[in-house]
Each structure stands twice: as structure tokens, then as C-alpha cells.
């Protein structure tokens, strides 16, 4: 989708800045410019689409759907909705605001937020082709399990006070769908884009900058060297390395395939994938605008533990799945 942008930024780096794409500085600058533009486009698009759809379907309807399911059943439903909903981590802010507006419990909201970026139907198809149906199905199941139990734990901790106050106040901006035109809906969506971008742009740049620095200065074989099968802490290393980066599930699959080909365990590679998509620094920086540090830390710890357990589980059974496939 963004091949044109990649080539354009590469021309800027090589012809205008006179830097080599093979150099650390050139690679980092390319990553920063490319990802900044790409994420801003994706974020603006997602906020607009979500806001436009919300003008037809008030958040209260989401609450009614999830209200039919009590306890862990609600977390399971929220997690399953996360699978079939094509949202990446860049849409976390409008999704979170929409769920809070609807009065959806915090635990259910996080079950959705955890599962949605981790499990992707396109990623499932690619994993199916690369590793077979057993690994693809287990990938989906484990993603749902991480989301469900992560949401359950966060819900039981009763951390509603850790949500920024202004998020609850946004309720006054609800739009009645039957009384407005398409033009008014578009204006409503565009205003939401402007408001949210204005709040988060500086934090987004900081997050992308962190990712760019790591992209340019961490050697390509670093993860293979320190997260190989012989290292019992390999899964932990993979998760730590994945957190500062930004990508969606599709973007991490080629990396996971390359890592597995070089001797990294399947669980380690999948843990890296999950950390990048669910715990990326840009997403945490975006979420900081709607939730407080204590809740962010809780989200990272709970989700991180779930991903670690998933990684070690996959490493334990992964070789059996590959052999039998």
C-alpha cells in the first residue's frame, strides 16, 4: 500500500540528503520519515472511519451487545470482536474512547484492545500457508486467550480512575444518527481527526523516533544471537526487543519467518510478533493521552506476561507441530 511512499522517502534520503540507505543514519532517518507519514495517514484514516461509523451506530449499541454477556463471557466476546475487527494499534485511541463513551467495562475494553492488533485474519492466512493450519489455529487461540485473561485481570483491579477525566466528558459530543446528513457526519468525523491528532502528535513522534533509533543501530543478527533456542531467556529478549518497534501483524510475519529460519524458536518469533503489535511504543504513547501511567504499566505487565507464557508454550510444542505438519 505504501510502496510509493517508501520509494519517495528513499529518493529523499539518497538524492537530497546524500545519505546511503545502508548507513545507520540513513536507515534511521528513512524509518522515521516513512513511519511518521504512514502512521499519520493510517491514524487519520482510522479515526475518520471509526468516527463516521459511530455517527450511525451510537456507542450505546456496543454496550448493549456486550451487556448480554456476563463475567468472562463478556471478555471472550470482546476478544472475538477484536479478531474480526480490522483495527491496528494506531486506532487504539478512538476505539478506547468509543468503548468508554458506551460505558463498556474497562476489562472488556482491554480484551478488545489486546486481541485486535495481535490476531489478524490476513496474518492467519499467511501463517496457514507458511506453517500449516495447526500453528495458524493455535496462533488465533493463544491471541484470544491473552486478550481474555488480560482483560479479566485488568477488570478485576478496578482501575477506572486511571482513565483521563476528559475521556468521560467526551460523552457530551454524542451524535444522534437519524437527525444529521452525510455531510454533517463527515464534518463530525473530520473534527474528531483534528482533535485527536492535535493531542497526540508530539508523543507519536517520540515513539517513532525510539523505533527509528533501534531500527538503525541494532544489528540485524542481534535477536538471533540473544534470543536463540539455546537461551532460556530468549522469549523475554524477543518481547523486550519488540516493544519499542511499530508494525501491524502482517508486517511482523516476514520477520518471524526469517527468525525461525535462522534457528529462533517458533514461540520466540511469535512472542516478538505479539509484542510489536500489542505493546509497541507508539501505541503506548497514544494510549497515554487517554489513560494514566499506572494503567499503562498494568496493561504492559499483564499483556507481557501473557505473551511470555504463549512464547514458552509455543517453543515447547512448536517443533512437534512443525514435524507433524
C-alpha atoms as a PDB file:
ATOM      1  CA  UNK A   1       0.000   0.000   0.000  1.00  0.00           C
ATOM      2  CA  UNK A   2       2.810   2.387   0.866  1.00  0.00           C
ATOM      3  CA  UNK A   3       5.430   1.236  -1.650  1.00  0.00           C
ATOM      4  CA  UNK A   4       5.254   4.652  -3.339  1.00  0.00           C
ATOM      5  CA  UNK A   5       5.986   6.375  -0.019  1.00  0.00           C
ATOM      6  CA  UNK A   6       8.905   4.058   0.709  1.00  0.00           C
ATOM      7  CA  UNK A   7      10.469   4.845  -2.682  1.00  0.00           C
ATOM      8  CA  UNK A   8       9.804   8.577  -2.312  1.00  0.00           C
ATOM      9  CA  UNK A   9      11.469   8.746   1.101  1.00  0.00           C
ATOM     10  CA  UNK A  10      14.373   6.662  -0.204  1.00  0.00           C
ATOM     11  CA  UNK A  11      14.890   9.201  -3.005  1.00  0.00           C
ATOM     12  CA  UNK A  12      14.828  11.995  -0.424  1.00  0.00           C
ATOM     13  CA  UNK A  13      17.482  10.246   1.681  1.00  0.00           C
ATOM     14  CA  UNK A  14      19.816   9.391  -1.194  1.00  0.00           C
ATOM     15  CA  UNK A  15      19.391  12.363  -3.573  1.00  0.00           C
ATOM     16  CA  UNK A  16      18.583  15.278  -1.271  1.00  0.00           C
ATOM     17  CA  UNK A  17      20.335  14.356   1.969  1.00  0.00           C
ATOM     18  CA  UNK A  18      23.099  12.442   0.162  1.00  0.00           C
ATOM     19  CA  UNK A  19      22.992   9.581   2.652  1.00  0.00           C
ATOM     20  CA  UNK A  20      23.335   5.888   1.950  1.00  0.00           C
ATOM     21  CA  UNK A  21      20.384   3.671   2.766  1.00  0.00           C
ATOM     22  CA  UNK A  22      22.919   1.138   4.018  1.00  0.00           C
ATOM     23  CA  UNK A  23      24.233   3.528   6.676  1.00  0.00           C
ATOM     24  CA  UNK A  24      22.809   3.614  10.191  1.00  0.00           C
ATOM     25  CA  UNK A  25      21.853   7.274   9.994  1.00  0.00           C
ATOM     26  CA  UNK A  26      20.291   6.891   6.546  1.00  0.00           C
ATOM     27  CA  UNK A  27      18.314   3.820   7.594  1.00  0.00           C
ATOM     28  CA  UNK A  28      17.099   5.526  10.784  1.00  0.00           C
ATOM     29  CA  UNK A  29      16.045   8.734   9.033  1.00  0.00           C
ATOM     30  CA  UNK A  30      14.211   6.715   6.368  1.00  0.00           C
ATOM     31  CA  UNK A  31      12.408   4.740   9.087  1.00  0.00           C
ATOM     32  CA  UNK A  32      11.445   7.917  10.955  1.00  0.00           C
ATOM     33  CA  UNK A  33      10.130   9.848   7.941  1.00  0.00           C
ATOM     34  CA  UNK A  34       8.405   6.852   6.366  1.00  0.00           C
ATOM     35  CA  UNK A  35       6.735   5.664   9.570  1.00  0.00           C
ATOM     36  CA  UNK A  36       5.714   9.174  10.632  1.00  0.00           C
ATOM     37  CA  UNK A  37       3.881   9.804   7.363  1.00  0.00           C
ATOM     38  CA  UNK A  38       2.470   6.258   7.179  1.00  0.00           C
ATOM     39  CA  UNK A  39       1.189   6.233  10.759  1.00  0.00           C
ATOM     40  CA  UNK A  40      -0.284   9.736  10.461  1.00  0.00           C
ATOM     41  CA  UNK A  41      -2.145   8.660   7.306  1.00  0.00           C
ATOM     42  CA  UNK A  42      -3.362   5.423   8.893  1.00  0.00           C
ATOM     43  CA  UNK A  43      -4.280   7.113  12.153  1.00  0.00           C
ATOM     44  CA  UNK A  44      -6.210   9.927  10.455  1.00  0.00           C
ATOM     45  CA  UNK A  45      -7.980   7.442   8.181  1.00  0.00           C
ATOM     46  CA  UNK A  46      -8.923   5.144  11.050  1.00  0.00           C
ATOM     47  CA  UNK A  47     -10.160   7.977  13.274  1.00  0.00           C
ATOM     48  CA  UNK A  48     -12.264   9.349  10.418  1.00  0.00           C
ATOM     49  CA  UNK A  49     -13.785   5.964   9.508  1.00  0.00           C
ATOM     50  CA  UNK A  50     -14.471   4.987  13.116  1.00  0.00           C
ATOM     51  CA  UNK A  51     -15.992   8.371  13.898  1.00  0.00           C
ATOM     52  CA  UNK A  52     -18.148   8.279  10.751  1.00  0.00           C
ATOM     53  CA  UNK A  53     -19.418   4.797  11.590  1.00  0.00           C
ATOM     54  CA  UNK A  54     -20.097   5.867  15.167  1.00  0.00           C
ATOM     55  CA  UNK A  55     -22.393   8.590  13.849  1.00  0.00           C
ATOM     56  CA  UNK A  56     -24.640   5.790  12.519  1.00  0.00           C
ATOM     57  CA  UNK A  57     -24.137   3.438  15.424  1.00  0.00           C
ATOM     58  CA  UNK A  58     -24.015   5.220  18.780  1.00  0.00           C
ATOM     59  CA  UNK A  59     -21.576   3.691  21.277  1.00  0.00           C
ATOM     60  CA  UNK A  60     -24.533   2.713  23.428  1.00  0.00           C
ATOM     61  CA  UNK A  61     -25.265  -0.132  20.983  1.00  0.00           C
ATOM     62  CA  UNK A  62     -21.846  -1.643  21.624  1.00  0.00           C
ATOM     63  CA  UNK A  63     -22.589  -1.592  25.321  1.00  0.00           C
ATOM     64  CA  UNK A  64     -25.896  -3.398  24.712  1.00  0.00           C
ATOM     65  CA  UNK A  65     -24.176  -6.137  22.702  1.00  0.00           C
ATOM     66  CA  UNK A  66     -21.541  -6.771  25.346  1.00  0.00           C
ATOM     67  CA  UNK A  67     -24.046  -6.354  28.173  1.00  0.00           C
ATOM     68  CA  UNK A  68     -25.659  -9.627  27.107  1.00  0.00           C
ATOM     69  CA  UNK A  69     -22.592 -11.477  28.308  1.00  0.00           C
ATOM     70  CA  UNK A  70     -21.628 -11.564  31.965  1.00  0.00           C
ATOM     71  CA  UNK A  71     -18.195 -12.083  33.503  1.00  0.00           C
ATOM     72  CA  UNK A  72     -15.595 -13.853  31.430  1.00  0.00           C
ATOM     73  CA  UNK A  73     -18.136 -14.420  28.653  1.00  0.00           C
ATOM     74  CA  UNK A  74     -18.049 -10.669  28.026  1.00  0.00           C
ATOM     75  CA  UNK A  75     -14.244 -10.736  27.794  1.00  0.00           C
ATOM     76  CA  UNK A  76     -14.451 -13.633  25.341  1.00  0.00           C
ATOM     77  CA  UNK A  77     -16.954 -11.761  23.196  1.00  0.00           C
ATOM     78  CA  UNK A  78     -14.837  -8.572  23.264  1.00  0.00           C
ATOM     79  CA  UNK A  79     -11.766 -10.595  22.329  1.00  0.00           C
ATOM     80  CA  UNK A  80     -13.595 -12.332  19.473  1.00  0.00           C
ATOM     81  CA  UNK A  81     -14.781  -8.935  18.216  1.00  0.00           C
ATOM     82  CA  UNK A  82     -11.117  -7.931  18.254  1.00  0.00           C
ATOM     83  CA  UNK A  83     -10.300 -10.776  15.845  1.00  0.00           C
ATOM     84  CA  UNK A  84     -12.853  -9.816  13.199  1.00  0.00           C
ATOM     85  CA  UNK A  85     -12.344  -6.066  13.535  1.00  0.00           C
ATOM     86  CA  UNK A  86      -9.533  -4.806  11.255  1.00  0.00           C
ATOM     87  CA  UNK A  87      -8.005  -2.319  13.669  1.00  0.00           C
ATOM     88  CA  UNK A  88      -4.266  -1.807  14.130  1.00  0.00           C
ATOM     89  CA  UNK A  89      -2.591  -0.275  17.157  1.00  0.00           C
ATOM     90  CA  UNK A  90      -2.792   3.203  15.597  1.00  0.00           C
ATOM     91  CA  UNK A  91      -6.587   3.132  16.116  1.00  0.00           C
ATOM     92  CA  UNK A  92      -6.317   2.402  19.843  1.00  0.00           C
ATOM     93  CA  UNK A  93      -7.269   5.930  20.956  1.00  0.00           C
ATOM     94  CA  UNK A  94     -10.582   6.287  19.048  1.00  0.00           C
ATOM     95  CA  UNK A  95     -11.517   2.688  19.885  1.00  0.00           C
ATOM     96  CA  UNK A  96     -10.794   3.236  23.578  1.00  0.00           C
ATOM     97  CA  UNK A  97     -12.746   6.498  23.651  1.00  0.00           C
ATOM     98  CA  UNK A  98     -15.690   4.894  21.861  1.00  0.00           C
ATOM     99  CA  UNK A  99     -15.839   1.986  24.322  1.00  0.00           C
ATOM    100  CA  UNK A 100     -15.556   4.276  27.358  1.00  0.00           C
ATOM    101  CA  UNK A 101     -18.281   6.508  25.924  1.00  0.00           C
ATOM    102  CA  UNK A 102     -20.526   3.472  25.606  1.00  0.00           C
ATOM    103  CA  UNK A 103     -19.955   2.526  29.223  1.00  0.00           C
ATOM    104  CA  UNK A 104     -18.229  -0.747  28.284  1.00  0.00           C
ATOM    105  CA  UNK A 105     -16.355  -2.084  31.355  1.00  0.00           C
ATOM    106  CA  UNK A 106     -12.619  -1.416  31.338  1.00  0.00           C
ATOM    107  CA  UNK A 107     -11.757  -5.120  31.386  1.00  0.00           C
ATOM    108  CA  UNK A 108     -13.789  -5.801  28.240  1.00  0.00           C
ATOM    109  CA  UNK A 109     -12.267  -2.775  26.535  1.00  0.00           C
ATOM    110  CA  UNK A 110      -8.768  -4.113  27.144  1.00  0.00           C
ATOM    111  CA  UNK A 111      -9.710  -7.613  25.988  1.00  0.00           C
ATOM    112  CA  UNK A 112     -10.585  -5.973  22.665  1.00  0.00           C
ATOM    113  CA  UNK A 113      -7.505  -3.738  22.585  1.00  0.00           C
ATOM    114  CA  UNK A 114      -5.143  -6.620  23.315  1.00  0.00           C
ATOM    115  CA  UNK A 115      -6.596  -9.091  20.810  1.00  0.00           C
ATOM    116  CA  UNK A 116      -7.328  -6.739  17.910  1.00  0.00           C
ATOM    117  CA  UNK A 117      -3.722  -5.908  16.930  1.00  0.00           C
ATOM    118  CA  UNK A 118      -2.380  -9.377  17.794  1.00  0.00           C
ATOM    119  CA  UNK A 119      -4.802 -11.515  15.775  1.00  0.00           C
ATOM    120  CA  UNK A 120      -5.422 -10.585  12.165  1.00  0.00           C
ATOM    121  CA  UNK A 121      -7.322 -12.634   9.588  1.00  0.00           C
ATOM    122  CA  UNK A 122      -4.750 -11.870   6.901  1.00  0.00           C
ATOM    123  CA  UNK A 123      -1.950 -12.901   9.253  1.00  0.00           C
ATOM    124  CA  UNK A 124      -3.834 -16.140   9.867  1.00  0.00           C
ATOM    125  CA  UNK A 125      -3.952 -16.863   6.133  1.00  0.00           C
ATOM    126  CA  UNK A 126      -0.233 -16.188   5.730  1.00  0.00           C
ATOM    127  CA  UNK A 127       0.654 -18.343   8.757  1.00  0.00           C
ATOM    128  CA  UNK A 128      -1.553 -21.052   7.298  1.00  0.00           C
ATOM    129  CA  UNK A 129       0.495 -21.002   4.112  1.00  0.00           C
ATOM    130  CA  UNK A 130       3.887 -20.809   5.834  1.00  0.00           C
ATOM    131  CA  UNK A 131       3.479 -23.171   8.778  1.00  0.00           C
ATOM    132  CA  UNK A 132       0.253 -25.107   8.304  1.00  0.00           C
ATOM    133  CA  UNK A 133      -3.211 -24.999   9.811  1.00  0.00           C
ATOM    134  CA  UNK A 134      -2.250 -26.299  13.264  1.00  0.00           C
ATOM    135  CA  UNK A 135       0.089 -23.423  14.038  1.00  0.00           C
ATOM    136  CA  UNK A 136      -2.297 -20.892  12.477  1.00  0.00           C
ATOM    137  CA  UNK A 137      -5.210 -22.053  14.627  1.00  0.00           C
ATOM    138  CA  UNK A 138      -3.109 -22.164  17.793  1.00  0.00           C
ATOM    139  CA  UNK A 139      -1.931 -18.615  16.954  1.00  0.00           C
ATOM    140  CA  UNK A 140      -5.540 -17.394  16.946  1.00  0.00           C
ATOM    141  CA  UNK A 141      -6.481 -19.307  20.100  1.00  0.00           C
ATOM    142  CA  UNK A 142      -3.488 -18.040  22.059  1.00  0.00           C
ATOM    143  CA  UNK A 143      -4.131 -14.470  20.914  1.00  0.00           C
ATOM    144  CA  UNK A 144      -7.695 -14.728  22.218  1.00  0.00           C
ATOM    145  CA  UNK A 145      -6.514 -16.288  25.494  1.00  0.00           C
ATOM    146  CA  UNK A 146      -4.026 -13.454  26.054  1.00  0.00           C
ATOM    147  CA  UNK A 147      -6.765 -10.892  25.369  1.00  0.00           C
ATOM    148  CA  UNK A 148      -9.391 -12.575  27.532  1.00  0.00           C
ATOM    149  CA  UNK A 149      -7.243 -13.107  30.620  1.00  0.00           C
ATOM    150  CA  UNK A 150      -5.507  -9.761  30.230  1.00  0.00           C
ATOM    151  CA  UNK A 151      -8.903  -8.063  30.221  1.00  0.00           C
ATOM    152  CA  UNK A 152     -10.183 -10.152  33.137  1.00  0.00           C
ATOM    153  CA  UNK A 153      -7.207  -9.242  35.310  1.00  0.00           C
ATOM    154  CA  UNK A 154      -7.378  -5.535  34.446  1.00  0.00           C
ATOM    155  CA  UNK A 155     -11.136  -5.560  35.047  1.00  0.00           C
ATOM    156  CA  UNK A 156     -10.789  -7.088  38.498  1.00  0.00           C
ATOM    157  CA  UNK A 157      -8.252  -4.436  39.504  1.00  0.00           C
ATOM    158  CA  UNK A 158     -10.951  -1.707  39.251  1.00  0.00           C
ATOM    159  CA  UNK A 159      -8.761   0.957  37.644  1.00  0.00           C
ATOM    160  CA  UNK A 160     -11.430   3.205  36.176  1.00  0.00           C
ATOM    161  CA  UNK A 161      -9.886   6.199  37.991  1.00  0.00           C
ATOM    162  CA  UNK A 162      -6.744   5.693  35.908  1.00  0.00           C
ATOM    163  CA  UNK A 163      -8.595   6.861  32.784  1.00  0.00           C
ATOM    164  CA  UNK A 164      -8.082  10.552  31.978  1.00  0.00           C
ATOM    165  CA  UNK A 165     -11.069  12.609  33.102  1.00  0.00           C
ATOM    166  CA  UNK A 166     -11.629  14.283  29.724  1.00  0.00           C
ATOM    167  CA  UNK A 167     -12.404  10.897  28.136  1.00  0.00           C
ATOM    168  CA  UNK A 168     -15.548  10.574  30.243  1.00  0.00           C
ATOM    169  CA  UNK A 169     -16.501  14.158  29.405  1.00  0.00           C
ATOM    170  CA  UNK A 170     -16.448  13.428  25.653  1.00  0.00           C
ATOM    171  CA  UNK A 171     -19.856  11.822  26.137  1.00  0.00           C
ATOM    172  CA  UNK A 172     -21.458  15.230  25.622  1.00  0.00           C
ATOM    173  CA  UNK A 173     -20.367  15.075  21.972  1.00  0.00           C
ATOM    174  CA  UNK A 174     -22.529  12.064  21.086  1.00  0.00           C
ATOM    175  CA  UNK A 175     -24.271  12.405  17.758  1.00  0.00           C
ATOM    176  CA  UNK A 176     -27.835  11.316  17.096  1.00  0.00           C
ATOM    177  CA  UNK A 177     -27.615   9.379  13.801  1.00  0.00           C
ATOM    178  CA  UNK A 178     -31.145   9.893  12.497  1.00  0.00           C
ATOM    179  CA  UNK A 179     -31.025  13.708  12.534  1.00  0.00           C
ATOM    180  CA  UNK A 180     -27.883  14.525  10.539  1.00  0.00           C
ATOM    181  CA  UNK A 181     -26.843  14.430   6.903  1.00  0.00           C
ATOM    182  CA  UNK A 182     -23.854  12.653   5.383  1.00  0.00           C
ATOM    183  CA  UNK A 183     -22.080  16.000   5.179  1.00  0.00           C
ATOM    184  CA  UNK A 184     -22.635  16.570   8.893  1.00  0.00           C
ATOM    185  CA  UNK A 185     -21.371  13.072   9.673  1.00  0.00           C
ATOM    186  CA  UNK A 186     -18.221  13.744   7.646  1.00  0.00           C
ATOM    187  CA  UNK A 187     -17.721  17.068   9.449  1.00  0.00           C
ATOM    188  CA  UNK A 188     -18.149  15.330  12.803  1.00  0.00           C
ATOM    189  CA  UNK A 189     -15.573  12.674  11.812  1.00  0.00           C
ATOM    190  CA  UNK A 190     -13.117  15.261  10.465  1.00  0.00           C
ATOM    191  CA  UNK A 191     -13.329  17.281  13.670  1.00  0.00           C
ATOM    192  CA  UNK A 192     -12.530  14.160  15.683  1.00  0.00           C
ATOM    193  CA  UNK A 193      -9.466  13.603  13.487  1.00  0.00           C
ATOM    194  CA  UNK A 194      -8.233  17.140  14.163  1.00  0.00           C
ATOM    195  CA  UNK A 195      -8.882  16.954  17.911  1.00  0.00           C
ATOM    196  CA  UNK A 196      -7.122  13.636  18.473  1.00  0.00           C
ATOM    197  CA  UNK A 197      -4.136  14.373  16.182  1.00  0.00           C
ATOM    198  CA  UNK A 198      -3.647  17.694  17.970  1.00  0.00           C
ATOM    199  CA  UNK A 199      -3.478  15.897  21.304  1.00  0.00           C
ATOM    200  CA  UNK A 200      -1.085  13.081  20.364  1.00  0.00           C
ATOM    201  CA  UNK A 201       1.231  14.189  17.528  1.00  0.00           C
ATOM    202  CA  UNK A 202       4.255  15.057  19.687  1.00  0.00           C
ATOM    203  CA  UNK A 203       4.016  11.796  21.622  1.00  0.00           C
ATOM    204  CA  UNK A 204       3.699   9.868  18.372  1.00  0.00           C
ATOM    205  CA  UNK A 205       6.892  11.447  17.011  1.00  0.00           C
ATOM    206  CA  UNK A 206       8.759  10.486  20.182  1.00  0.00           C
ATOM    207  CA  UNK A 207       7.646   6.869  19.849  1.00  0.00           C
ATOM    208  CA  UNK A 208       8.604   6.649  16.183  1.00  0.00           C
ATOM    209  CA  UNK A 209      11.965   8.240  16.997  1.00  0.00           C
ATOM    210  CA  UNK A 210      12.677   5.486  19.507  1.00  0.00           C
ATOM    211  CA  UNK A 211      11.799   2.865  16.915  1.00  0.00           C
ATOM    212  CA  UNK A 212      13.980   4.576  14.291  1.00  0.00           C
ATOM    213  CA  UNK A 213      16.997   4.607  16.597  1.00  0.00           C
ATOM    214  CA  UNK A 214      16.670   0.910  17.300  1.00  0.00           C
ATOM    215  CA  UNK A 215      15.997   0.150  13.624  1.00  0.00           C
ATOM    216  CA  UNK A 216      19.234   1.790  12.533  1.00  0.00           C
ATOM    217  CA  UNK A 217      21.605   0.933  15.366  1.00  0.00           C
ATOM    218  CA  UNK A 218      20.622  -2.589  16.492  1.00  0.00           C
ATOM    219  CA  UNK A 219      22.439  -5.204  14.347  1.00  0.00           C
ATOM    220  CA  UNK A 220      20.278  -7.474  12.191  1.00  0.00           C
ATOM    221  CA  UNK A 221      21.528 -10.617  13.921  1.00  0.00           C
ATOM    222  CA  UNK A 222      21.019  -9.215  17.430  1.00  0.00           C
ATOM    223  CA  UNK A 223      17.733 -11.006  18.072  1.00  0.00           C
ATOM    224  CA  UNK A 224      19.006 -14.254  16.585  1.00  0.00           C
ATOM    225  CA  UNK A 225      22.123 -14.096  18.754  1.00  0.00           C
ATOM    226  CA  UNK A 226      20.428 -13.312  22.048  1.00  0.00           C
ATOM    227  CA  UNK A 227      17.038 -14.971  21.528  1.00  0.00           C
ATOM    228  CA  UNK A 228      18.116 -18.292  20.062  1.00  0.00           C
ATOM    229  CA  UNK A 229      16.815 -21.656  21.194  1.00  0.00           C
ATOM    230  CA  UNK A 230      19.816 -22.176  23.483  1.00  0.00           C
ATOM    231  CA  UNK A 231      18.942 -19.121  25.569  1.00  0.00           C
ATOM    232  CA  UNK A 232      16.249 -19.892  28.187  1.00  0.00           C
ATOM    233  CA  UNK A 233      15.519 -16.162  28.317  1.00  0.00           C
ATOM    234  CA  UNK A 234      15.116 -15.925  24.529  1.00  0.00           C
ATOM    235  CA  UNK A 235      11.375 -15.263  24.662  1.00  0.00           C
ATOM    236  CA  UNK A 236      11.901 -12.488  27.201  1.00  0.00           C
ATOM    237  CA  UNK A 237      14.599 -10.905  24.998  1.00  0.00           C
ATOM    238  CA  UNK A 238      12.271 -11.083  21.979  1.00  0.00           C
ATOM    239  CA  UNK A 239       9.465  -9.306  23.845  1.00  0.00           C
ATOM    240  CA  UNK A 240      11.798  -6.573  25.122  1.00  0.00           C
ATOM    241  CA  UNK A 241      13.163  -6.050  21.595  1.00  0.00           C
ATOM    242  CA  UNK A 242       9.661  -5.934  20.116  1.00  0.00           C
ATOM    243  CA  UNK A 243       8.163  -3.313  22.436  1.00  0.00           C
ATOM    244  CA  UNK A 244       9.963  -0.229  21.019  1.00  0.00           C
ATOM    245  CA  UNK A 245       9.073  -1.129  17.432  1.00  0.00           C
ATOM    246  CA  UNK A 246       5.918  -0.417  15.452  1.00  0.00           C
ATOM    247  CA  UNK A 247       4.200  -2.626  12.919  1.00  0.00           C
ATOM    248  CA  UNK A 248       0.974  -4.496  12.338  1.00  0.00           C
ATOM    249  CA  UNK A 249       0.610  -8.270  12.364  1.00  0.00           C
ATOM    250  CA  UNK A 250       1.295  -8.528   8.640  1.00  0.00           C
ATOM    251  CA  UNK A 251       4.493  -6.521   8.893  1.00  0.00           C
ATOM    252  CA  UNK A 252       5.938  -8.820  11.558  1.00  0.00           C
ATOM    253  CA  UNK A 253       5.292 -12.122   9.779  1.00  0.00           C
ATOM    254  CA  UNK A 254       8.279 -11.871   7.370  1.00  0.00           C
ATOM    255  CA  UNK A 255      10.485 -11.084  10.381  1.00  0.00           C
ATOM    256  CA  UNK A 256       9.120 -14.083  12.265  1.00  0.00           C
ATOM    257  CA  UNK A 257       9.690 -16.318   9.256  1.00  0.00           C
ATOM    258  CA  UNK A 258      13.296 -15.120   8.904  1.00  0.00           C
ATOM    259  CA  UNK A 259      13.956 -15.602  12.622  1.00  0.00           C
ATOM    260  CA  UNK A 260      12.579 -19.144  12.582  1.00  0.00           C
ATOM    261  CA  UNK A 261      14.688 -19.894   9.509  1.00  0.00           C
ATOM    262  CA  UNK A 262      17.816 -18.781  11.406  1.00  0.00           C
ATOM    263  CA  UNK A 263      17.145 -21.002  14.394  1.00  0.00           C
ATOM    264  CA  UNK A 264      14.939 -18.918  16.660  1.00  0.00           C
ATOM    265  CA  UNK A 265      12.131 -20.923  18.257  1.00  0.00           C
ATOM    266  CA  UNK A 266       8.614 -20.582  16.874  1.00  0.00           C
ATOM    267  CA  UNK A 267       7.353 -19.357  20.242  1.00  0.00           C
ATOM    268  CA  UNK A 268      10.122 -16.773  20.459  1.00  0.00           C
ATOM    269  CA  UNK A 269       9.284 -15.447  16.988  1.00  0.00           C
ATOM    270  CA  UNK A 270       5.554 -15.315  17.727  1.00  0.00           C
ATOM    271  CA  UNK A 271       6.212 -13.600  21.071  1.00  0.00           C
ATOM    272  CA  UNK A 272       8.190 -10.973  19.161  1.00  0.00           C
ATOM    273  CA  UNK A 273       5.258 -10.568  16.741  1.00  0.00           C
ATOM    274  CA  UNK A 274       2.774 -10.147  19.568  1.00  0.00           C
ATOM    275  CA  UNK A 275       4.958  -7.671  21.460  1.00  0.00           C
ATOM    276  CA  UNK A 276       5.397  -5.498  18.370  1.00  0.00           C
ATOM    277  CA  UNK A 277       1.675  -5.437  17.568  1.00  0.00           C
ATOM    278  CA  UNK A 278       0.188  -5.264  21.089  1.00  0.00           C
ATOM    279  CA  UNK A 279       2.838  -3.451  23.134  1.00  0.00           C
ATOM    280  CA  UNK A 280       4.531  -1.139  20.639  1.00  0.00           C
ATOM    281  CA  UNK A 281       5.915   2.144  21.968  1.00  0.00           C
ATOM    282  CA  UNK A 282       3.766   4.255  19.587  1.00  0.00           C
ATOM    283  CA  UNK A 283       0.617   2.546  20.881  1.00  0.00           C
ATOM    284  CA  UNK A 284       1.617   3.123  24.500  1.00  0.00           C
ATOM    285  CA  UNK A 285       2.316   6.776  23.714  1.00  0.00           C
ATOM    286  CA  UNK A 286      -1.065   7.085  22.023  1.00  0.00           C
ATOM    287  CA  UNK A 287      -2.810   5.421  24.956  1.00  0.00           C
ATOM    288  CA  UNK A 288      -1.077   7.811  27.367  1.00  0.00           C
ATOM    289  CA  UNK A 289      -3.416  10.516  26.109  1.00  0.00           C
ATOM    290  CA  UNK A 290      -6.437   8.605  27.399  1.00  0.00           C
ATOM    291  CA  UNK A 291      -5.144   6.558  30.335  1.00  0.00           C
ATOM    292  CA  UNK A 292      -2.703   7.288  33.152  1.00  0.00           C
ATOM    293  CA  UNK A 293       0.769   5.733  33.611  1.00  0.00           C
ATOM    294  CA  UNK A 294      -0.370   3.276  36.297  1.00  0.00           C
ATOM    295  CA  UNK A 295      -2.930   1.692  33.975  1.00  0.00           C
ATOM    296  CA  UNK A 296      -0.478   1.679  31.065  1.00  0.00           C
ATOM    297  CA  UNK A 297       2.086  -0.110  33.243  1.00  0.00           C
ATOM    298  CA  UNK A 298      -0.559  -2.623  34.341  1.00  0.00           C
ATOM    299  CA  UNK A 299      -1.583  -3.205  30.709  1.00  0.00           C
ATOM    300  CA  UNK A 300       2.042  -3.766  29.646  1.00  0.00           C
ATOM    301  CA  UNK A 301       2.820  -6.118  32.547  1.00  0.00           C
ATOM    302  CA  UNK A 302      -0.353  -8.204  32.222  1.00  0.00           C
ATOM    303  CA  UNK A 303      -0.156  -8.446  28.434  1.00  0.00           C
ATOM    304  CA  UNK A 304       3.594  -9.023  28.547  1.00  0.00           C
ATOM    305  CA  UNK A 305       3.225 -11.948  30.945  1.00  0.00           C
ATOM    306  CA  UNK A 306       0.557 -13.450  28.692  1.00  0.00           C
ATOM    307  CA  UNK A 307       2.823 -13.109  25.662  1.00  0.00           C
ATOM    308  CA  UNK A 308       5.781 -14.636  27.539  1.00  0.00           C
ATOM    309  CA  UNK A 309       3.717 -17.652  28.564  1.00  0.00           C
ATOM    310  CA  UNK A 310       2.480 -18.005  24.995  1.00  0.00           C
ATOM    311  CA  UNK A 311       6.029 -17.865  23.648  1.00  0.00           C
ATOM    312  CA  UNK A 312       7.354 -20.536  26.000  1.00  0.00           C
ATOM    313  CA  UNK A 313       4.311 -22.711  25.307  1.00  0.00           C
ATOM    314  CA  UNK A 314       4.890 -22.483  21.553  1.00  0.00           C
ATOM    315  CA  UNK A 315       8.575 -23.265  21.941  1.00  0.00           C
ATOM    316  CA  UNK A 316       7.589 -26.368  23.918  1.00  0.00           C
ATOM    317  CA  UNK A 317       5.162 -27.710  21.326  1.00  0.00           C
ATOM    318  CA  UNK A 318       6.345 -25.862  18.221  1.00  0.00           C
ATOM    319  CA  UNK A 319       8.818 -28.467  16.995  1.00  0.00           C
ATOM    320  CA  UNK A 320       6.127 -31.150  17.291  1.00  0.00           C
ATOM    321  CA  UNK A 321       3.690 -29.103  15.227  1.00  0.00           C
ATOM    322  CA  UNK A 322       6.290 -28.493  12.518  1.00  0.00           C
ATOM    323  CA  UNK A 323       7.342 -32.148  12.405  1.00  0.00           C
ATOM    324  CA  UNK A 324       3.778 -33.396  12.114  1.00  0.00           C
ATOM    325  CA  UNK A 325       2.774 -30.750   9.562  1.00  0.00           C
END
